[in-house]
Structures are given as C-alpha cells and as structure tokens.
Amino acid sequence: MKYGELKKNWIWLLGLGIIFITLGFAGLLLLPLVSITSVTIFGAFMLVGGALQMVQGITKTKDWKSRALHILMGAIYIIGGIATFENPILATTVLTLVLGFSLIAIGSIRIAVAFQNRDVSQWALMTLSGILSVFLGALIVIQWPWSSLWAIGLFVSVDLIMSGANFMAIAIAAKAEGEKSGVPA
C-alpha cells in the first residue's frame, strides 16, 4: 500500500485517531446529550437543505414539470427542521423508533438474502449480521421511548471510536512502511 507523505506525517493521523476515540468514549458517558445534539444537527441540515431546495425550485426550475414538487419537498424539509428545533426531545424519540423498526426490517432482509445465498461460504456470517440487526432493532423498540436516551448517541459514539481506531491503524501502518523504506519520521 502506498502512503505517500503520510509516511512522514503519520503522527497527525495517530493524533486524530486518539481525539476521535476520546470523543467517542466521552459520548458514551453523555448518551442522552449526544442523541439530542445529533438530532438537532440533523434538523439544522434539514432546514438548510430545505431552504436550498426551495430556492432551487423557485429560481431554477421555471419550465420544469415538477417545479411545484421541488418547492413542496423543500417546504417539507423546512417544516421537519423547524419541528426538530422546536422539540428536539420528541424528534429524538420519533427518530429512535424509526431507527428500531428500520433495523428490524433491514436485519430480516439480510437474513433472507443470506438464506438465498447459502452457496456462498460466508452465508452464516451474513445470517448472524441480520440476526444482530433484528435483535438491536427489537431492543430499541421494546425499550422505547427510553431507548431514545441512548440509541442514537450510542451509534454516534461507537462510530467515533471505530473511526478513531481506523485512523490509528492507518497511522501505525504508514509509520511501519516509512521505517521499512527509510523515510524519517
């Protein structure tokens, strides 16, 4: 694998990995706050995206058949963003329930795909992945509305930890490659 300048500057990526992991573990200690904050940020994205969609619909689609639908989509995004800002706890609760049912559906489909592909050597692993998704989704739905205090924050925090571990692994591999090729650290 080629690492280019990273062989000399691997320490920056290692530091980034440490920061991500630290933030992820801090998030694990503050799951309700991370959940609500994440949903509020999502609401801000909806608001900005909706405004841009409406501007595009009003100014750039004058002769499109679907002009009104573009404007309507923008308005729906704006309404969703405002609703999220008005009551981020309710938005977190609703999105957590949607997440739980989505995991159940995706896990069930993953299991079906695995059974359709039993000739593939990793079909049992695919099945396990589906079972875990269904289990996690069921856990979220069964514990709802209390699961809204931890589910989204847990996913964001674990993602930060995994991203940090990924950055650190690349940094360590780049350092080793640099040492092997004689590039000074």
Protein backbone atom coordinates (compact mmCIF):
# COMPACT_ATOMS: atom_id res chain seq x y z
CA MET A 1 0.00 0.00 0.00
CA LYS A 2 1.27 3.48 -0.82
CA TYR A 3 1.14 6.06 1.95
CA GLY A 4 2.88 9.00 0.25
CA GLU A 5 3.52 11.90 2.64
CA LEU A 6 1.69 10.04 5.40
CA LYS A 7 4.85 8.01 5.97
CA LYS A 8 6.46 11.22 7.26
CA ASN A 9 3.35 12.75 8.86
CA TRP A 10 1.71 9.66 10.38
CA ILE A 11 1.70 11.26 13.85
CA TRP A 12 -1.07 13.66 12.79
CA LEU A 13 -3.36 10.80 11.81
CA LEU A 14 -2.49 9.00 15.02
CA GLY A 15 -3.43 12.13 16.98
CA LEU A 16 -6.70 12.42 15.06
CA GLY A 17 -7.46 8.81 15.92
CA ILE A 18 -6.80 9.45 19.60
CA ILE A 19 -9.08 12.52 19.51
CA PHE A 20 -11.90 10.57 17.81
CA ILE A 21 -11.61 7.73 20.31
CA THR A 22 -11.59 10.18 23.23
CA LEU A 23 -14.68 11.95 21.86
CA GLY A 24 -16.39 8.59 21.34
CA PHE A 25 -15.77 7.50 24.92
CA ALA A 26 -16.88 10.92 26.19
CA GLY A 27 -20.03 10.45 24.13
CA LEU A 28 -20.65 7.10 25.80
CA LEU A 29 -20.72 8.94 29.13
CA LEU A 30 -23.21 11.51 27.78
CA LEU A 31 -25.52 9.40 25.60
CA PRO A 32 -28.72 11.46 26.06
CA LEU A 33 -26.88 14.69 25.26
CA VAL A 34 -25.22 13.18 22.19
CA SER A 35 -28.57 11.78 20.99
CA ILE A 36 -30.40 15.09 21.28
CA THR A 37 -27.49 17.10 19.87
CA SER A 38 -27.15 14.76 16.88
CA VAL A 39 -30.84 15.05 16.08
CA THR A 40 -30.71 18.84 16.46
CA ILE A 41 -27.81 18.99 14.00
CA PHE A 42 -29.81 16.76 11.67
CA GLY A 43 -32.67 19.27 11.99
CA ALA A 44 -30.31 22.09 11.02
CA PHE A 45 -29.26 20.13 7.94
CA MET A 46 -32.93 19.63 7.04
CA LEU A 47 -33.61 23.33 7.45
CA VAL A 48 -30.67 24.42 5.28
CA GLY A 49 -31.31 21.68 2.71
CA GLY A 50 -35.00 22.60 2.53
CA ALA A 51 -34.23 26.27 2.07
CA LEU A 52 -31.78 25.47 -0.73
CA GLN A 53 -34.29 23.11 -2.35
CA MET A 54 -36.97 25.82 -2.26
CA VAL A 55 -34.62 28.44 -3.71
CA GLN A 56 -33.68 25.99 -6.45
CA GLY A 57 -37.35 25.19 -7.07
CA ILE A 58 -38.39 28.83 -7.24
CA THR A 59 -35.47 30.24 -9.22
CA LYS A 60 -34.03 27.43 -11.35
CA THR A 61 -36.97 25.23 -12.37
CA LYS A 62 -39.31 27.74 -14.08
CA ASP A 63 -40.06 25.44 -17.03
CA TRP A 64 -39.88 22.07 -15.26
CA LYS A 65 -42.99 19.93 -14.95
CA SER A 66 -42.02 19.05 -11.39
CA ARG A 67 -41.38 22.62 -10.18
CA ALA A 68 -44.17 22.54 -7.60
CA LEU A 69 -42.93 19.20 -6.27
CA HIS A 70 -39.40 20.57 -5.80
CA ILE A 71 -40.81 23.51 -3.86
CA LEU A 72 -43.02 21.14 -1.83
CA MET A 73 -40.03 18.91 -0.98
CA GLY A 74 -38.12 21.96 0.22
CA ALA A 75 -41.07 23.07 2.35
CA ILE A 76 -41.35 19.61 3.93
CA TYR A 77 -37.65 19.65 4.81
CA ILE A 78 -38.04 23.10 6.35
CA ILE A 79 -41.07 22.02 8.38
CA GLY A 80 -39.15 18.94 9.59
CA GLY A 81 -36.15 21.08 10.53
CA ILE A 82 -38.29 23.58 12.43
CA ALA A 83 -40.15 20.77 14.21
CA THR A 84 -36.81 19.28 15.24
CA PHE A 85 -35.67 22.62 16.66
CA GLU A 86 -38.98 23.23 18.41
CA ASN A 87 -38.93 19.89 20.21
CA PRO A 88 -35.61 18.03 19.87
CA ILE A 89 -36.61 15.50 22.52
CA LEU A 90 -39.74 14.49 20.60
CA ALA A 91 -37.72 14.38 17.36
CA THR A 92 -35.14 12.15 19.04
CA THR A 93 -37.89 9.88 20.32
CA VAL A 94 -39.57 9.57 16.92
CA LEU A 95 -36.30 9.02 15.04
CA THR A 96 -35.26 6.36 17.56
CA LEU A 97 -38.48 4.43 16.92
CA VAL A 98 -37.97 4.72 13.15
CA LEU A 99 -34.38 3.52 13.64
CA GLY A 100 -35.55 0.49 15.65
CA PHE A 101 -38.10 -0.60 13.05
CA SER A 102 -35.60 0.05 10.24
CA LEU A 103 -33.04 -2.22 11.90
CA ILE A 104 -35.65 -4.96 12.27
CA ALA A 105 -36.62 -4.67 8.58
CA ILE A 106 -33.02 -4.47 7.31
CA GLY A 107 -31.95 -7.37 9.51
CA SER A 108 -34.85 -9.50 8.27
CA ILE A 109 -33.95 -8.74 4.66
CA ARG A 110 -30.29 -9.50 5.38
CA ILE A 111 -31.30 -12.91 6.78
CA ALA A 112 -33.42 -13.63 3.69
CA VAL A 113 -30.51 -12.66 1.41
CA ALA A 114 -28.19 -14.91 3.38
CA PHE A 115 -30.53 -17.89 3.02
CA GLN A 116 -30.86 -17.23 -0.70
CA ASN A 117 -27.07 -17.33 -0.93
CA ARG A 118 -26.32 -20.44 1.12
CA ASP A 119 -23.84 -21.48 -1.54
CA VAL A 120 -21.62 -18.53 -0.52
CA SER A 121 -19.02 -19.51 2.07
CA GLN A 122 -19.88 -16.59 4.36
CA TRP A 123 -23.66 -17.03 4.39
CA ALA A 124 -23.68 -17.91 8.10
CA LEU A 125 -21.87 -14.65 8.90
CA MET A 126 -24.43 -12.77 6.80
CA THR A 127 -27.20 -14.51 8.76
CA LEU A 128 -25.56 -13.58 12.06
CA SER A 129 -25.32 -9.96 10.91
CA GLY A 130 -29.04 -9.98 10.14
CA ILE A 131 -29.92 -11.58 13.47
CA LEU A 132 -27.88 -8.96 15.33
CA SER A 133 -29.63 -6.15 13.44
CA VAL A 134 -33.05 -7.61 14.26
CA PHE A 135 -32.03 -8.06 17.90
CA LEU A 136 -30.74 -4.49 18.19
CA GLY A 137 -33.84 -3.11 16.47
CA ALA A 138 -36.11 -5.13 18.75
CA LEU A 139 -34.16 -3.94 21.79
CA ILE A 140 -34.67 -0.34 20.70
CA VAL A 141 -38.41 -0.81 20.00
CA ILE A 142 -39.09 -2.78 23.19
CA GLN A 143 -37.34 -0.17 25.35
CA TRP A 144 -38.92 2.76 23.52
CA PRO A 145 -39.35 5.64 24.46
CA TRP A 146 -36.48 5.21 26.95
CA SER A 147 -34.20 3.91 24.21
CA SER A 148 -34.27 7.41 22.70
CA LEU A 149 -31.99 8.43 25.58
CA TRP A 150 -29.20 6.11 24.42
CA ALA A 151 -29.66 4.63 20.94
CA ILE A 152 -28.64 7.46 18.61
CA GLY A 153 -25.90 8.67 20.98
CA LEU A 154 -24.57 5.13 21.23
CA PHE A 155 -24.35 4.79 17.44
CA VAL A 156 -22.60 8.16 17.06
CA SER A 157 -20.18 7.40 19.91
CA VAL A 158 -19.33 3.90 18.65
CA ASP A 159 -18.82 5.31 15.14
CA LEU A 160 -16.37 7.88 16.53
CA ILE A 161 -14.47 5.14 18.37
CA MET A 162 -14.34 2.92 15.27
CA SER A 163 -13.25 5.84 13.06
CA GLY A 164 -10.52 6.71 15.56
CA ALA A 165 -9.32 3.11 15.62
CA ASN A 166 -9.26 3.15 11.82
CA PHE A 167 -7.19 6.35 11.75
CA MET A 168 -4.76 4.91 14.28
CA ALA A 169 -4.39 1.66 12.34
CA ILE A 170 -3.58 3.57 9.14
CA ALA A 171 -1.10 5.79 11.01
CA ILE A 172 0.70 2.81 12.54
CA ALA A 173 0.83 1.02 9.17
CA ALA A 174 2.15 4.19 7.48
CA LYS A 175 4.79 4.59 10.19
CA ALA A 176 5.90 0.98 9.74
CA GLU A 177 6.02 1.44 5.95
CA GLY A 178 8.08 4.61 6.41
CA GLU A 179 10.52 2.85 8.72
CA LYS A 180 10.81 -0.04 6.27
CA SER A 181 11.53 2.30 3.35
CA GLY A 182 13.91 4.50 5.37
CA VAL A 183 11.68 7.61 5.46
CA PRO A 184 12.45 9.64 8.60
CA ALA A 185 9.51 10.19 11.00
